[in-house]
C-alpha atoms as a PDB file:
ATOM      1  CA  MET A   1      68.246-114.390 178.703  1.00  0.00           C
ATOM      2  CA  ALA A   2      64.464-114.166 178.903  1.00  0.00           C
ATOM      3  CA  LEU A   3      63.024-117.488 177.791  1.00  0.00           C
ATOM      4  CA  ASP A   4      60.105-115.829 175.984  1.00  0.00           C
ATOM      5  CA  LYS A   5      62.318-113.374 174.107  1.00  0.00           C
ATOM      6  CA  TRP A   6      62.918-113.947 170.416  1.00  0.00           C
ATOM      7  CA  ASN A   7      66.538-113.750 169.251  1.00  0.00           C
ATOM      8  CA  ARG A   8      68.209-114.040 165.856  1.00  0.00           C
ATOM      9  CA  ALA A   9      70.092-117.206 164.947  1.00  0.00           C
ATOM     10  CA  VAL A  10      72.430-116.740 161.984  1.00  0.00           C
ATOM     11  CA  VAL A  11      73.305-119.795 159.894  1.00  0.00           C
ATOM     12  CA  LEU A  12      77.070-120.366 159.804  1.00  0.00           C
ATOM     13  CA  HIS A  13      77.119-123.491 157.651  1.00  0.00           C
ATOM     14  CA  ILE A  14      75.124-126.601 156.790  1.00  0.00           C
ATOM     15  CA  ILE A  15      76.298-130.206 156.390  1.00  0.00           C
ATOM     16  CA  ASP A  16      74.403-132.919 154.524  1.00  0.00           C
ATOM     17  CA  GLU A  17      74.720-135.701 157.073  1.00  0.00           C
ATOM     18  CA  THR A  18      72.622-138.363 155.326  1.00  0.00           C
ATOM     19  CA  GLU A  19      70.281-138.476 152.341  1.00  0.00           C
ATOM     20  CA  ASN A  20      67.509-136.840 154.342  1.00  0.00           C
ATOM     21  CA  THR A  21      69.264-135.298 157.354  1.00  0.00           C
ATOM     22  CA  LYS A  22      71.193-132.040 157.691  1.00  0.00           C
ATOM     23  CA  ARG A  23      73.313-130.509 160.420  1.00  0.00           C
ATOM     24  CA  PHE A  24      72.740-126.781 160.879  1.00  0.00           C
ATOM     25  CA  PHE A  25      75.274-124.600 162.700  1.00  0.00           C
ATOM     26  CA  PHE A  26      74.195-121.237 164.131  1.00  0.00           C
ATOM     27  CA  SER A  27      75.480-118.257 166.063  1.00  0.00           C
ATOM     28  CA  VAL A  28      73.444-115.755 168.085  1.00  0.00           C
ATOM     29  CA  PRO A  29      74.812-112.227 167.454  1.00  0.00           C
ATOM     30  CA  GLU A  30      72.906-110.629 170.364  1.00  0.00           C
ATOM     31  CA  LEU A  31      74.601-112.905 172.885  1.00  0.00           C
ATOM     32  CA  GLU A  32      78.198-113.485 173.886  1.00  0.00           C
ATOM     33  CA  ILE A  33      77.275-116.844 175.426  1.00  0.00           C
ATOM     34  CA  LEU A  34      74.261-119.041 174.703  1.00  0.00           C
ATOM     35  CA  GLN A  35      73.513-120.602 178.071  1.00  0.00           C
ATOM     36  CA  PHE A  36      71.614-123.863 178.219  1.00  0.00           C
ATOM     37  CA  ARG A  37      71.555-127.263 179.866  1.00  0.00           C
ATOM     38  CA  PRO A  38      72.400-130.257 177.679  1.00  0.00           C
ATOM     39  CA  GLY A  39      69.154-131.827 176.497  1.00  0.00           C
ATOM     40  CA  GLN A  40      67.239-128.565 176.062  1.00  0.00           C
ATOM     41  CA  PHE A  41      65.655-127.316 172.831  1.00  0.00           C
ATOM     42  CA  VAL A  42      65.022-124.125 170.869  1.00  0.00           C
ATOM     43  CA  THR A  43      61.844-123.074 169.082  1.00  0.00           C
ATOM     44  CA  PHE A  44      62.052-121.478 165.620  1.00  0.00           C
ATOM     45  CA  ASP A  45      59.534-119.014 164.215  1.00  0.00           C
ATOM     46  CA  LEU A  46      59.573-119.890 160.511  1.00  0.00           C
ATOM     47  CA  PRO A  47      57.792-117.650 157.943  1.00  0.00           C
ATOM     48  CA  ILE A  48      55.571-120.452 156.679  1.00  0.00           C
ATOM     49  CA  HIS A  49      52.108-119.492 157.951  1.00  0.00           C
ATOM     50  CA  GLU A  50      50.066-116.505 159.143  1.00  0.00           C
ATOM     51  CA  LYS A  51      49.219-118.124 162.494  1.00  0.00           C
ATOM     52  CA  LYS A  52      51.994-118.264 165.091  1.00  0.00           C
ATOM     53  CA  ASN A  53      51.265-121.786 166.251  1.00  0.00           C
ATOM     54  CA  LYS A  54      51.553-122.968 162.641  1.00  0.00           C
ATOM     55  CA  ARG A  55      55.006-121.414 162.286  1.00  0.00           C
ATOM     56  CA  TRP A  56      56.750-122.724 165.379  1.00  0.00           C
ATOM     57  CA  ARG A  57      59.054-125.728 165.186  1.00  0.00           C
ATOM     58  CA  SER A  58      61.121-127.043 168.105  1.00  0.00           C
ATOM     59  CA  TYR A  59      64.463-128.849 167.833  1.00  0.00           C
ATOM     60  CA  SER A  60      66.788-130.299 170.474  1.00  0.00           C
ATOM     61  CA  ILE A  61      70.265-128.808 170.555  1.00  0.00           C
ATOM     62  CA  ALA A  62      72.828-131.375 169.399  1.00  0.00           C
ATOM     63  CA  SER A  63      75.911-129.526 170.643  1.00  0.00           C
ATOM     64  CA  ALA A  64      77.100-129.001 174.211  1.00  0.00           C
ATOM     65  CA  PRO A  65      77.346-125.585 175.883  1.00  0.00           C
ATOM     66  CA  ASP A  66      80.903-124.405 175.256  1.00  0.00           C
ATOM     67  CA  GLY A  67      81.009-120.808 176.452  1.00  0.00           C
ATOM     68  CA  THR A  68      80.236-119.373 172.994  1.00  0.00           C
ATOM     69  CA  ASN A  69      77.085-118.142 171.271  1.00  0.00           C
ATOM     70  CA  LYS A  70      77.047-121.080 168.832  1.00  0.00           C
ATOM     71  CA  PHE A  71      74.846-124.163 168.673  1.00  0.00           C
ATOM     72  CA  GLU A  72      74.110-127.089 166.356  1.00  0.00           C
ATOM     73  CA  LEU A  73      70.874-128.779 165.312  1.00  0.00           C
ATOM     74  CA  VAL A  74      70.431-132.041 163.400  1.00  0.00           C
ATOM     75  CA  ILE A  75      67.139-132.140 161.482  1.00  0.00           C
ATOM     76  CA  VAL A  76      65.499-134.826 159.358  1.00  0.00           C
ATOM     77  CA  HIS A  77      63.450-133.844 156.324  1.00  0.00           C
ATOM     78  CA  ALA A  78      59.759-134.558 156.916  1.00  0.00           C
ATOM     79  CA  PRO A  79      58.015-135.489 153.635  1.00  0.00           C
ATOM     80  CA  GLY A  80      55.298-132.929 153.066  1.00  0.00           C
ATOM     81  CA  GLY A  81      56.400-130.894 156.086  1.00  0.00           C
ATOM     82  CA  THR A  82      56.308-127.131 155.546  1.00  0.00           C
ATOM     83  CA  GLY A  83      58.920-126.473 158.221  1.00  0.00           C
ATOM     84  CA  THR A  84      61.638-128.692 156.833  1.00  0.00           C
ATOM     85  CA  ALA A  85      60.705-127.668 153.276  1.00  0.00           C
ATOM     86  CA  TYR A  86      61.566-124.102 154.269  1.00  0.00           C
ATOM     87  CA  LEU A  87      64.794-125.126 155.992  1.00  0.00           C
ATOM     88  CA  TRP A  88      65.858-127.257 153.009  1.00  0.00           C
ATOM     89  CA  ASN A  89      64.934-124.814 150.244  1.00  0.00           C
ATOM     90  CA  GLU A  90      65.310-121.325 151.703  1.00  0.00           C
ATOM     91  CA  ILE A  91      68.018-121.490 154.355  1.00  0.00           C
ATOM     92  CA  LYS A  92      71.695-121.020 153.506  1.00  0.00           C
ATOM     93  CA  PRO A  93      74.795-119.611 155.235  1.00  0.00           C
ATOM     94  CA  GLY A  94      74.012-116.064 156.324  1.00  0.00           C
ATOM     95  CA  SER A  95      70.278-116.665 156.666  1.00  0.00           C
ATOM     96  CA  GLU A  96      68.622-115.536 159.888  1.00  0.00           C
ATOM     97  CA  ILE A  97      65.914-117.341 161.867  1.00  0.00           C
ATOM     98  CA  LEU A  98      64.023-116.068 164.907  1.00  0.00           C
ATOM     99  CA  PHE A  99      64.154-118.425 167.885  1.00  0.00           C
ATOM    100  CA  LYS A 100      63.371-118.517 171.580  1.00  0.00           C
ATOM    101  CA  GLY A 101      64.796-120.637 174.360  1.00  0.00           C
ATOM    102  CA  PRO A 102      66.668-122.817 175.077  1.00  0.00           C
ATOM    103  CA  ILE A 103      64.195-124.452 177.425  1.00  0.00           C
ATOM    104  CA  GLY A 104      63.186-127.952 178.526  1.00  0.00           C
ATOM    105  CA  VAL A 105      63.514-130.400 181.415  1.00  0.00           C
ATOM    106  CA  PHE A 106      64.831-133.377 179.428  1.00  0.00           C
ATOM    107  CA  THR A 107      68.240-133.102 181.115  1.00  0.00           C
ATOM    108  CA  PHE A 108      70.697-135.078 183.240  1.00  0.00           C
ATOM    109  CA  PRO A 109      69.647-135.836 186.818  1.00  0.00           C
ATOM    110  CA  ASP A 110      71.516-133.629 189.295  1.00  0.00           C
ATOM    111  CA  GLU A 111      73.243-136.728 190.640  1.00  0.00           C
ATOM    112  CA  ILE A 112      73.997-139.781 188.501  1.00  0.00           C
ATOM    113  CA  ASP A 113      73.259-142.384 191.168  1.00  0.00           C
ATOM    114  CA  ARG A 114      72.063-145.189 188.873  1.00  0.00           C
ATOM    115  CA  ASP A 115      72.696-146.375 185.329  1.00  0.00           C
ATOM    116  CA  LEU A 116      71.419-144.184 182.496  1.00  0.00           C
ATOM    117  CA  CYS A 117      69.798-145.770 179.458  1.00  0.00           C
ATOM    118  CA  PHE A 118      69.366-143.401 176.506  1.00  0.00           C
ATOM    119  CA  ILE A 119      66.965-144.822 173.905  1.00  0.00           C
ATOM    120  CA  CYS A 120      66.471-143.005 170.603  1.00  0.00           C
ATOM    121  CA  THR A 121      65.678-143.279 166.935  1.00  0.00           C
ATOM    122  CA  GLY A 122      66.937-140.979 164.176  1.00  0.00           C
ATOM    123  CA  THR A 123      67.490-137.350 165.165  1.00  0.00           C
ATOM    124  CA  GLY A 124      66.356-138.234 168.684  1.00  0.00           C
ATOM    125  CA  ILE A 125      70.063-138.702 169.301  1.00  0.00           C
ATOM    126  CA  ALA A 126      70.515-134.898 169.449  1.00  0.00           C
ATOM    127  CA  PRO A 127      69.929-134.254 173.177  1.00  0.00           C
ATOM    128  CA  PHE A 128      72.009-137.296 174.130  1.00  0.00           C
ATOM    129  CA  ARG A 129      74.933-136.104 172.038  1.00  0.00           C
ATOM    130  CA  SER A 130      74.736-132.776 173.875  1.00  0.00           C
ATOM    131  CA  MET A 131      74.760-134.532 177.247  1.00  0.00           C
ATOM    132  CA  LEU A 132      77.664-136.820 176.358  1.00  0.00           C
ATOM    133  CA  LEU A 133      79.851-134.063 174.938  1.00  0.00           C
ATOM    134  CA  ASP A 134      79.215-132.026 178.066  1.00  0.00           C
ATOM    135  CA  LEU A 135      80.182-135.014 180.192  1.00  0.00           C
ATOM    136  CA  VAL A 136      83.531-135.204 178.373  1.00  0.00           C
ATOM    137  CA  SER A 137      84.185-131.527 179.136  1.00  0.00           C
ATOM    138  CA  HIS A 138      82.817-131.685 182.687  1.00  0.00           C
ATOM    139  CA  PRO A 139      83.420-135.170 184.112  1.00  0.00           C
ATOM    140  CA  ARG A 140      81.385-136.213 187.130  1.00  0.00           C
ATOM    141  CA  PRO A 141      81.043-139.404 189.141  1.00  0.00           C
ATOM    142  CA  GLY A 142      78.432-141.726 187.736  1.00  0.00           C
ATOM    143  CA  LYS A 143      77.332-145.148 186.646  1.00  0.00           C
ATOM    144  CA  HIS A 144      77.149-146.851 183.255  1.00  0.00           C
ATOM    145  CA  ILE A 145      75.555-144.933 180.386  1.00  0.00           C
ATOM    146  CA  TYR A 146      74.034-146.867 177.491  1.00  0.00           C
ATOM    147  CA  LEU A 147      73.011-145.123 174.266  1.00  0.00           C
ATOM    148  CA  ILE A 148      70.755-147.369 172.179  1.00  0.00           C
ATOM    149  CA  PHE A 149      70.279-145.878 168.714  1.00  0.00           C
ATOM    150  CA  GLY A 150      67.824-147.331 166.240  1.00  0.00           C
ATOM    151  CA  THR A 151      67.435-146.673 162.538  1.00  0.00           C
ATOM    152  CA  ARG A 152      66.874-148.618 159.333  1.00  0.00           C
ATOM    153  CA  TYR A 153      70.214-148.723 157.504  1.00  0.00           C
ATOM    154  CA  LEU A 154      73.892-148.253 158.295  1.00  0.00           C
ATOM    155  CA  LYS A 155      73.986-145.140 156.100  1.00  0.00           C
ATOM    156  CA  ASP A 156      71.407-143.550 158.396  1.00  0.00           C
ATOM    157  CA  VAL A 157      73.432-143.839 161.615  1.00  0.00           C
ATOM    158  CA  LEU A 158      73.985-140.309 162.936  1.00  0.00           C
ATOM    159  CA  TYR A 159      77.274-139.381 164.643  1.00  0.00           C
ATOM    160  CA  GLY A 160      78.294-143.050 164.531  1.00  0.00           C
ATOM    161  CA  ALA A 161      82.068-142.557 164.394  1.00  0.00           C
ATOM    162  CA  GLU A 162      81.895-139.884 167.055  1.00  0.00           C
ATOM    163  CA  MET A 163      79.864-142.091 169.377  1.00  0.00           C
ATOM    164  CA  GLN A 164      82.390-144.894 168.920  1.00  0.00           C
ATOM    165  CA  SER A 165      85.232-142.553 169.833  1.00  0.00           C
ATOM    166  CA  LEU A 166      83.401-141.259 172.899  1.00  0.00           C
ATOM    167  CA  GLN A 167      83.582-144.752 174.364  1.00  0.00           C
ATOM    168  CA  SER A 168      87.329-144.270 174.844  1.00  0.00           C
ATOM    169  CA  LYS A 169      86.839-140.839 176.425  1.00  0.00           C
ATOM    170  CA  LEU A 170      84.026-141.987 178.698  1.00  0.00           C
ATOM    171  CA  PRO A 171      84.987-145.458 180.007  1.00  0.00           C
ATOM    172  CA  ASP A 172      81.491-146.160 181.361  1.00  0.00           C
ATOM    173  CA  PHE A 173      79.727-145.166 178.127  1.00  0.00           C
ATOM    174  CA  HIS A 174      78.423-147.846 175.742  1.00  0.00           C
ATOM    175  CA  PHE A 175      77.088-147.059 172.255  1.00  0.00           C
ATOM    176  CA  ILE A 176      74.804-149.683 170.725  1.00  0.00           C
ATOM    177  CA  SER A 177      73.239-149.210 167.308  1.00  0.00           C
ATOM    178  CA  THR A 178      70.562-151.556 166.018  1.00  0.00           C
ATOM    179  CA  LEU A 179      69.377-151.558 162.398  1.00  0.00           C
ATOM    180  CA  SER A 180      65.953-152.810 161.355  1.00  0.00           C
ATOM    181  CA  ARG A 181      66.472-153.246 157.599  1.00  0.00           C
ATOM    182  CA  GLU A 182      70.208-153.539 156.953  1.00  0.00           C
ATOM    183  CA  ASP A 183      71.031-156.740 155.053  1.00  0.00           C
ATOM    184  CA  SER A 184      74.612-156.079 153.996  1.00  0.00           C
ATOM    185  CA  PRO A 185      76.972-158.963 154.895  1.00  0.00           C
ATOM    186  CA  LEU A 186      79.526-156.288 155.825  1.00  0.00           C
ATOM    187  CA  TYR A 187      77.400-155.171 158.743  1.00  0.00           C
ATOM    188  CA  THR A 188      78.003-157.320 161.805  1.00  0.00           C
ATOM    189  CA  GLY A 189      76.262-155.240 164.465  1.00  0.00           C
ATOM    190  CA  ARG A 190      72.868-155.620 166.064  1.00  0.00           C
ATOM    191  CA  LYS A 191      69.749-155.972 163.941  1.00  0.00           C
ATOM    192  CA  GLY A 192      66.176-155.302 164.906  1.00  0.00           C
ATOM    193  CA  TYR A 193      64.641-152.628 167.104  1.00  0.00           C
ATOM    194  CA  VAL A 194      65.719-150.743 170.199  1.00  0.00           C
ATOM    195  CA  HIS A 195      63.282-152.542 172.512  1.00  0.00           C
ATOM    196  CA  GLN A 196      65.045-155.887 172.426  1.00  0.00           C
ATOM    197  CA  VAL A 197      68.320-154.220 173.384  1.00  0.00           C
ATOM    198  CA  TYR A 198      67.256-152.490 176.597  1.00  0.00           C
ATOM    199  CA  GLU A 199      65.149-155.490 177.622  1.00  0.00           C
ATOM    200  CA  GLU A 200      68.303-157.612 177.448  1.00  0.00           C
ATOM    201  CA  LEU A 201      70.553-155.067 179.186  1.00  0.00           C
ATOM    202  CA  PHE A 202      68.138-154.547 182.067  1.00  0.00           C
ATOM    203  CA  ALA A 203      66.663-158.035 182.321  1.00  0.00           C
ATOM    204  CA  ASP A 204      67.887-158.199 185.929  1.00  0.00           C
ATOM    205  CA  ARG A 205      65.888-155.014 186.744  1.00  0.00           C
ATOM    206  CA  HIS A 206      68.883-153.177 188.223  1.00  0.00           C
ATOM    207  CA  GLU A 207      68.495-149.483 189.061  1.00  0.00           C
ATOM    208  CA  ALA A 208      68.366-147.129 186.084  1.00  0.00           C
ATOM    209  CA  HIS A 209      66.975-143.944 184.607  1.00  0.00           C
ATOM    210  CA  PHE A 210      65.491-144.371 181.129  1.00  0.00           C
ATOM    211  CA  TYR A 211      65.552-141.439 178.694  1.00  0.00           C
ATOM    212  CA  LEU A 212      63.405-141.826 175.570  1.00  0.00           C
ATOM    213  CA  CYS A 213      63.640-139.523 172.557  1.00  0.00           C
ATOM    214  CA  GLY A 214      62.153-139.969 169.108  1.00  0.00           C
ATOM    215  CA  TRP A 215      58.855-140.514 167.353  1.00  0.00           C
ATOM    216  CA  ARG A 216      55.746-141.048 169.488  1.00  0.00           C
ATOM    217  CA  ASN A 217      55.248-144.705 168.513  1.00  0.00           C
ATOM    218  CA  MET A 218      58.712-145.688 169.708  1.00  0.00           C
ATOM    219  CA  VAL A 219      58.496-143.614 172.894  1.00  0.00           C
ATOM    220  CA  ASP A 220      55.046-144.917 173.807  1.00  0.00           C
ATOM    221  CA  GLU A 221      56.030-148.537 173.222  1.00  0.00           C
ATOM    222  CA  ALA A 222      59.277-148.173 175.154  1.00  0.00           C
ATOM    223  CA  LYS A 223      57.500-146.555 178.085  1.00  0.00           C
ATOM    224  CA  GLU A 224      54.946-149.370 178.216  1.00  0.00           C
ATOM    225  CA  ARG A 225      57.618-152.057 178.006  1.00  0.00           C
ATOM    226  CA  ILE A 226      59.824-150.484 180.684  1.00  0.00           C
ATOM    227  CA  LEU A 227      56.878-150.160 183.050  1.00  0.00           C
ATOM    228  CA  SER A 228      56.003-153.792 182.422  1.00  0.00           C
ATOM    229  CA  MET A 229      59.582-154.712 183.343  1.00  0.00           C
ATOM    230  CA  GLY A 230      58.858-153.372 186.816  1.00  0.00           C
ATOM    231  CA  TYR A 231      60.407-149.892 186.738  1.00  0.00           C
ATOM    232  CA  GLU A 232      58.592-146.941 188.315  1.00  0.00           C
ATOM    233  CA  ARG A 233      57.234-144.148 186.130  1.00  0.00           C
ATOM    234  CA  LYS A 234      59.430-141.544 187.859  1.00  0.00           C
ATOM    235  CA  TYR A 235      62.525-143.159 186.340  1.00  0.00           C
ATOM    236  CA  ILE A 236      61.252-142.783 182.765  1.00  0.00           C
ATOM    237  CA  HIS A 237      61.911-139.444 181.026  1.00  0.00           C
ATOM    238  CA  GLU A 238      60.643-138.680 177.542  1.00  0.00           C
ATOM    239  CA  GLU A 239      60.947-136.158 174.709  1.00  0.00           C
ATOM    240  CA  LEU A 240      58.610-136.575 171.738  1.00  0.00           C
ATOM    241  CA  TYR A 241      59.452-135.693 168.133  1.00  0.00           C
ATOM    242  CA  GLY A 242      56.511-134.970 165.861  1.00  0.00           C
END
């Protein structure tokens, strides 16, 4: 499939995942198989502006390639955002959206020769979910994989139950959520921000690839902290949201 070609994505169904996050499921009628590497993204052309560059919105694919023409996105509502306003108010099952891709280089290394540390906030979990689901379907030798997911409250944890279950399917996978504002006595997990978690896990500076996905402030701070820990820039991979 030509990467610059626009195709039609048809909405199959939509799930309200949290108060401000939805899961969108699509099929691509023109294709028998949507081919992509886990971690890649698609770009939508939404009818929200006359200028092309004002209409385009990119989202990481949250599902793994499965030999079909279907894919899933998980999208958070951006207050005042024209793109998510359109997706929230105008899109329903049967709706069609033009898209191009998938493209992107935020993907697994060809050989997993050192630990992988996935660091994300909110819907930044999408590319990591794609990678992990693909790893279940296509096992390969590797090291430990840590997914550190940060958000404010327990109700905002995306794919939490699924991530917990993946730990039994992938023995070397560890899911760690950390909540910055949760004060319920029923919650006994980690509190605070993602930075403290990876600084503890990699305090001994052992070999690792770091994958960062989320809002710019988190990604920039994580990159600075990881460099200050002594890791080389080539082992830090990033995908910015917004």
